[in-house]
N, C-alpha and C. Protein backbone atom coordinates (compact mmCIF):
# COMPACT_ATOMS: atom_id res chain seq x y z
N MET A 1 38.89 22.76 -30.49
CA MET A 1 39.67 21.64 -30.01
C MET A 1 39.95 20.70 -31.19
N LYS A 2 41.18 20.34 -31.35
CA LYS A 2 41.60 19.48 -32.45
C LYS A 2 41.15 18.04 -32.20
N SER A 3 40.55 17.43 -33.22
CA SER A 3 40.12 16.03 -33.05
C SER A 3 41.31 15.09 -33.24
N LYS A 4 41.20 13.95 -32.64
CA LYS A 4 42.29 12.98 -32.72
C LYS A 4 42.16 12.16 -34.00
N THR A 5 43.30 11.71 -34.50
CA THR A 5 43.34 10.93 -35.73
C THR A 5 43.08 9.46 -35.39
N PRO A 6 42.09 8.84 -36.04
CA PRO A 6 41.85 7.42 -35.78
C PRO A 6 43.02 6.56 -36.24
N TRP A 7 43.08 5.36 -35.70
CA TRP A 7 44.12 4.43 -36.09
C TRP A 7 43.97 4.02 -37.55
N THR A 8 45.11 3.77 -38.16
CA THR A 8 45.11 3.24 -39.52
C THR A 8 44.87 1.74 -39.46
N PHE A 9 44.60 1.17 -40.61
CA PHE A 9 44.44 -0.28 -40.72
C PHE A 9 45.71 -0.98 -40.23
N GLU A 10 46.87 -0.42 -40.58
CA GLU A 10 48.15 -1.00 -40.19
C GLU A 10 48.33 -0.98 -38.67
N ASN A 11 47.86 0.10 -38.00
CA ASN A 11 47.91 0.14 -36.54
C ASN A 11 47.12 -1.03 -35.94
N HIS A 12 45.95 -1.27 -36.51
CA HIS A 12 45.11 -2.37 -36.02
C HIS A 12 45.76 -3.73 -36.27
N VAL A 13 46.40 -3.89 -37.42
CA VAL A 13 47.07 -5.16 -37.72
C VAL A 13 48.13 -5.44 -36.67
N GLU A 14 48.95 -4.45 -36.36
CA GLU A 14 50.02 -4.63 -35.38
C GLU A 14 49.47 -4.91 -33.99
N ALA A 15 48.47 -4.14 -33.57
CA ALA A 15 47.88 -4.34 -32.25
C ALA A 15 47.22 -5.72 -32.14
N ALA A 16 46.54 -6.14 -33.19
CA ALA A 16 45.88 -7.44 -33.18
C ALA A 16 46.89 -8.56 -32.99
N GLN A 17 48.01 -8.46 -33.67
CA GLN A 17 49.06 -9.48 -33.52
C GLN A 17 49.61 -9.50 -32.10
N GLN A 18 49.87 -8.32 -31.55
CA GLN A 18 50.42 -8.24 -30.20
C GLN A 18 49.44 -8.79 -29.17
N LEU A 19 48.16 -8.44 -29.30
CA LEU A 19 47.16 -8.90 -28.34
C LEU A 19 46.94 -10.41 -28.44
N SER A 20 46.94 -10.92 -29.65
CA SER A 20 46.78 -12.36 -29.84
C SER A 20 47.95 -13.13 -29.22
N GLN A 21 49.15 -12.65 -29.45
CA GLN A 21 50.34 -13.29 -28.87
C GLN A 21 50.32 -13.22 -27.35
N SER A 22 49.92 -12.08 -26.81
CA SER A 22 49.85 -11.92 -25.35
C SER A 22 48.85 -12.88 -24.74
N ARG A 23 47.70 -13.02 -25.40
CA ARG A 23 46.68 -13.94 -24.90
C ARG A 23 47.19 -15.39 -24.95
N ASP A 24 47.84 -15.74 -26.04
CA ASP A 24 48.39 -17.10 -26.16
C ASP A 24 49.42 -17.37 -25.07
N GLN A 25 50.27 -16.38 -24.79
CA GLN A 25 51.29 -16.54 -23.74
C GLN A 25 50.65 -16.70 -22.37
N LEU A 26 49.60 -15.93 -22.11
CA LEU A 26 48.91 -16.07 -20.83
C LEU A 26 48.27 -17.45 -20.70
N GLY A 27 47.71 -17.94 -21.80
CA GLY A 27 47.13 -19.28 -21.78
C GLY A 27 48.16 -20.34 -21.43
N LYS A 28 49.34 -20.22 -22.02
CA LYS A 28 50.42 -21.17 -21.71
C LYS A 28 50.84 -21.04 -20.24
N LEU A 29 50.90 -19.82 -19.74
CA LEU A 29 51.26 -19.61 -18.34
C LEU A 29 50.22 -20.25 -17.42
N ILE A 30 48.95 -20.10 -17.74
CA ILE A 30 47.89 -20.70 -16.93
C ILE A 30 48.04 -22.23 -16.89
N VAL A 31 48.33 -22.82 -18.04
CA VAL A 31 48.54 -24.28 -18.09
C VAL A 31 49.74 -24.67 -17.23
N GLU A 32 50.84 -23.94 -17.37
CA GLU A 32 52.03 -24.25 -16.57
C GLU A 32 51.75 -24.11 -15.08
N LEU A 33 51.05 -23.06 -14.70
CA LEU A 33 50.72 -22.86 -13.29
C LEU A 33 49.82 -23.97 -12.77
N SER A 34 48.91 -24.42 -13.62
CA SER A 34 47.96 -25.45 -13.18
C SER A 34 48.63 -26.79 -12.89
N HIS A 35 49.84 -26.98 -13.39
CA HIS A 35 50.59 -28.20 -13.09
C HIS A 35 51.17 -28.17 -11.67
N SER A 36 51.25 -26.97 -11.11
CA SER A 36 51.86 -26.82 -9.78
C SER A 36 50.92 -26.29 -8.71
N TYR A 37 49.86 -25.61 -9.14
CA TYR A 37 48.98 -24.95 -8.18
C TYR A 37 47.52 -25.28 -8.46
N SER A 38 46.71 -25.13 -7.44
CA SER A 38 45.27 -25.35 -7.56
C SER A 38 44.67 -24.33 -8.53
N VAL A 39 43.61 -24.74 -9.23
CA VAL A 39 42.96 -23.79 -10.15
C VAL A 39 42.33 -22.64 -9.38
N ASN A 40 42.17 -22.80 -8.06
CA ASN A 40 41.64 -21.72 -7.22
C ASN A 40 42.73 -20.85 -6.62
N SER A 41 43.99 -21.12 -6.97
CA SER A 41 45.08 -20.31 -6.42
C SER A 41 44.97 -18.88 -6.94
N LYS A 42 45.50 -17.97 -6.15
CA LYS A 42 45.44 -16.56 -6.53
C LYS A 42 46.19 -16.32 -7.84
N ALA A 43 47.31 -17.00 -8.05
CA ALA A 43 48.10 -16.81 -9.28
C ALA A 43 47.29 -17.18 -10.52
N ILE A 44 46.61 -18.31 -10.46
CA ILE A 44 45.82 -18.73 -11.63
C ILE A 44 44.59 -17.84 -11.80
N ARG A 45 43.96 -17.47 -10.70
CA ARG A 45 42.80 -16.56 -10.81
C ARG A 45 43.21 -15.23 -11.45
N LEU A 46 44.35 -14.68 -11.02
CA LEU A 46 44.81 -13.41 -11.59
C LEU A 46 45.19 -13.55 -13.06
N ALA A 47 45.86 -14.64 -13.41
CA ALA A 47 46.23 -14.86 -14.81
C ALA A 47 44.98 -15.01 -15.67
N SER A 48 43.98 -15.70 -15.15
CA SER A 48 42.72 -15.86 -15.89
C SER A 48 42.00 -14.53 -16.03
N LYS A 49 42.05 -13.72 -14.98
CA LYS A 49 41.43 -12.39 -15.04
C LYS A 49 42.17 -11.52 -16.07
N ALA A 50 43.49 -11.61 -16.11
CA ALA A 50 44.27 -10.86 -17.10
C ALA A 50 43.88 -11.30 -18.51
N GLN A 51 43.65 -12.59 -18.68
CA GLN A 51 43.23 -13.10 -19.98
C GLN A 51 41.85 -12.55 -20.35
N ASP A 52 40.95 -12.47 -19.36
CA ASP A 52 39.62 -11.89 -19.60
C ASP A 52 39.72 -10.41 -19.99
N ILE A 53 40.65 -9.70 -19.35
CA ILE A 53 40.83 -8.28 -19.67
C ILE A 53 41.38 -8.12 -21.09
N LEU A 54 42.32 -8.99 -21.47
CA LEU A 54 42.82 -8.97 -22.85
C LEU A 54 41.69 -9.25 -23.83
N ASP A 55 40.80 -10.19 -23.48
CA ASP A 55 39.65 -10.49 -24.34
C ASP A 55 38.75 -9.26 -24.49
N ALA A 56 38.55 -8.54 -23.38
CA ALA A 56 37.72 -7.34 -23.44
C ALA A 56 38.37 -6.28 -24.34
N LEU A 57 39.67 -6.13 -24.23
CA LEU A 57 40.39 -5.17 -25.07
C LEU A 57 40.32 -5.57 -26.53
N ARG A 58 40.51 -6.86 -26.81
CA ARG A 58 40.42 -7.34 -28.20
C ARG A 58 39.03 -7.08 -28.76
N CYS A 59 38.02 -7.32 -27.95
CA CYS A 59 36.63 -7.09 -28.38
C CYS A 59 36.42 -5.61 -28.71
N GLU A 60 36.87 -4.75 -27.83
CA GLU A 60 36.71 -3.32 -28.05
C GLU A 60 37.48 -2.87 -29.29
N MET A 61 38.70 -3.36 -29.45
CA MET A 61 39.51 -2.98 -30.61
C MET A 61 38.91 -3.52 -31.90
N ASP A 62 38.29 -4.69 -31.84
CA ASP A 62 37.60 -5.25 -33.00
C ASP A 62 36.46 -4.32 -33.42
N GLU A 63 35.71 -3.82 -32.44
CA GLU A 63 34.63 -2.88 -32.74
C GLU A 63 35.19 -1.55 -33.26
N GLN A 64 36.31 -1.11 -32.67
CA GLN A 64 36.93 0.14 -33.12
C GLN A 64 37.45 0.01 -34.55
N LEU A 65 38.00 -1.15 -34.88
CA LEU A 65 38.45 -1.39 -36.25
C LEU A 65 37.29 -1.20 -37.22
N TYR A 66 36.13 -1.72 -36.88
CA TYR A 66 34.96 -1.57 -37.75
C TYR A 66 34.59 -0.09 -37.89
N ARG A 67 34.65 0.65 -36.79
CA ARG A 67 34.32 2.08 -36.87
C ARG A 67 35.37 2.86 -37.66
N ASP A 68 36.65 2.51 -37.49
CA ASP A 68 37.73 3.23 -38.17
C ASP A 68 37.88 2.83 -39.63
N ASN A 69 37.68 1.57 -39.93
CA ASN A 69 37.95 1.04 -41.28
C ASN A 69 36.86 0.04 -41.70
N PRO A 70 35.63 0.48 -41.91
CA PRO A 70 34.56 -0.47 -42.22
C PRO A 70 34.83 -1.30 -43.48
N THR A 71 35.56 -0.75 -44.43
CA THR A 71 35.82 -1.52 -45.67
C THR A 71 36.91 -2.56 -45.47
N GLY A 72 37.78 -2.36 -44.49
CA GLY A 72 38.86 -3.32 -44.24
C GLY A 72 38.59 -4.22 -43.06
N PHE A 73 37.38 -4.14 -42.53
CA PHE A 73 37.04 -4.89 -41.32
C PHE A 73 37.05 -6.39 -41.55
N SER A 74 37.67 -7.10 -40.60
CA SER A 74 37.65 -8.56 -40.61
C SER A 74 37.78 -9.04 -39.17
N PRO A 75 36.74 -9.72 -38.64
CA PRO A 75 36.83 -10.21 -37.26
C PRO A 75 38.01 -11.14 -37.03
N SER A 76 38.49 -11.76 -38.10
CA SER A 76 39.60 -12.68 -37.93
C SER A 76 40.91 -11.95 -37.62
N MET A 77 40.92 -10.62 -37.74
CA MET A 77 42.15 -9.88 -37.43
C MET A 77 42.45 -9.96 -35.93
N TYR A 78 41.48 -9.63 -35.11
CA TYR A 78 41.69 -9.65 -33.66
C TYR A 78 41.46 -11.05 -33.07
N TYR A 79 40.85 -11.94 -33.85
CA TYR A 79 40.57 -13.30 -33.40
C TYR A 79 41.06 -14.30 -34.44
N PRO A 80 42.38 -14.41 -34.65
CA PRO A 80 42.90 -15.24 -35.74
C PRO A 80 42.70 -16.74 -35.54
N HIS A 81 42.56 -17.20 -34.30
CA HIS A 81 42.44 -18.64 -34.05
C HIS A 81 41.01 -19.04 -33.67
N THR A 82 40.07 -18.13 -33.85
CA THR A 82 38.71 -18.37 -33.42
C THR A 82 37.80 -18.47 -34.63
N PRO A 83 36.95 -19.50 -34.67
CA PRO A 83 35.97 -19.55 -35.77
C PRO A 83 35.10 -18.30 -35.73
N LEU A 84 34.73 -17.81 -36.87
CA LEU A 84 33.92 -16.60 -36.93
C LEU A 84 32.52 -16.89 -36.40
N LEU A 85 32.12 -16.08 -35.45
CA LEU A 85 30.82 -16.22 -34.83
C LEU A 85 29.99 -14.99 -35.16
N SER A 86 28.90 -14.80 -34.45
CA SER A 86 28.09 -13.61 -34.68
C SER A 86 28.91 -12.38 -34.33
N PRO A 87 28.55 -11.22 -34.89
CA PRO A 87 29.31 -9.99 -34.60
C PRO A 87 29.31 -9.64 -33.12
N TYR A 88 28.36 -10.17 -32.35
CA TYR A 88 28.26 -9.83 -30.94
C TYR A 88 28.80 -10.93 -30.04
N ALA A 89 29.43 -11.94 -30.61
CA ALA A 89 29.89 -13.08 -29.83
C ALA A 89 30.87 -12.67 -28.74
N CYS A 90 31.81 -11.78 -29.06
CA CYS A 90 32.79 -11.41 -28.03
C CYS A 90 32.11 -10.62 -26.92
N ARG A 91 31.17 -9.76 -27.25
CA ARG A 91 30.46 -8.99 -26.23
C ARG A 91 29.65 -9.92 -25.32
N GLU A 92 28.98 -10.91 -25.93
CA GLU A 92 28.19 -11.87 -25.14
C GLU A 92 29.09 -12.67 -24.21
N LYS A 93 30.25 -13.09 -24.70
CA LYS A 93 31.19 -13.86 -23.89
C LYS A 93 31.66 -13.03 -22.69
N LEU A 94 31.93 -11.75 -22.92
CA LEU A 94 32.40 -10.89 -21.84
C LEU A 94 31.31 -10.67 -20.80
N GLU A 95 30.05 -10.54 -21.25
CA GLU A 95 28.95 -10.36 -20.31
C GLU A 95 28.77 -11.59 -19.44
N ARG A 96 28.90 -12.79 -20.04
CA ARG A 96 28.80 -14.02 -19.26
C ARG A 96 29.94 -14.10 -18.25
N SER A 97 31.13 -13.69 -18.65
CA SER A 97 32.28 -13.71 -17.77
C SER A 97 32.07 -12.76 -16.58
N ALA A 98 31.52 -11.59 -16.86
CA ALA A 98 31.26 -10.61 -15.79
C ALA A 98 30.22 -11.15 -14.82
N GLU A 99 29.19 -11.82 -15.33
CA GLU A 99 28.17 -12.42 -14.46
C GLU A 99 28.79 -13.49 -13.57
N ARG A 100 29.70 -14.27 -14.13
CA ARG A 100 30.36 -15.34 -13.38
C ARG A 100 31.20 -14.76 -12.25
N ASP A 101 31.81 -13.59 -12.48
CA ASP A 101 32.67 -12.98 -11.46
C ASP A 101 31.89 -12.35 -10.32
N GLU A 102 30.59 -12.09 -10.53
CA GLU A 102 29.79 -11.43 -9.48
C GLU A 102 29.48 -12.36 -8.33
């Protein structure tokens, strides 16, 4: 069975930009919705959940970048607007979010 080719550094750069922009757009949408609807409305809850899912994807892709390109790894690629935290910060944040949803 033929093995799959890992992503290049350039693939990660492009995906990181797209995911960051998508998250920013969702954040703006949540703010706009909050001006018209309760924070408990289904629309805001779903938009927030979508943002959490994007965060989970960014976290996973950040880890994949390290596995694919350890010499080119930079946490700031998938998290350009976030201060650098511990390598496990995104995983810890996602676990807290999952606990909150239970």
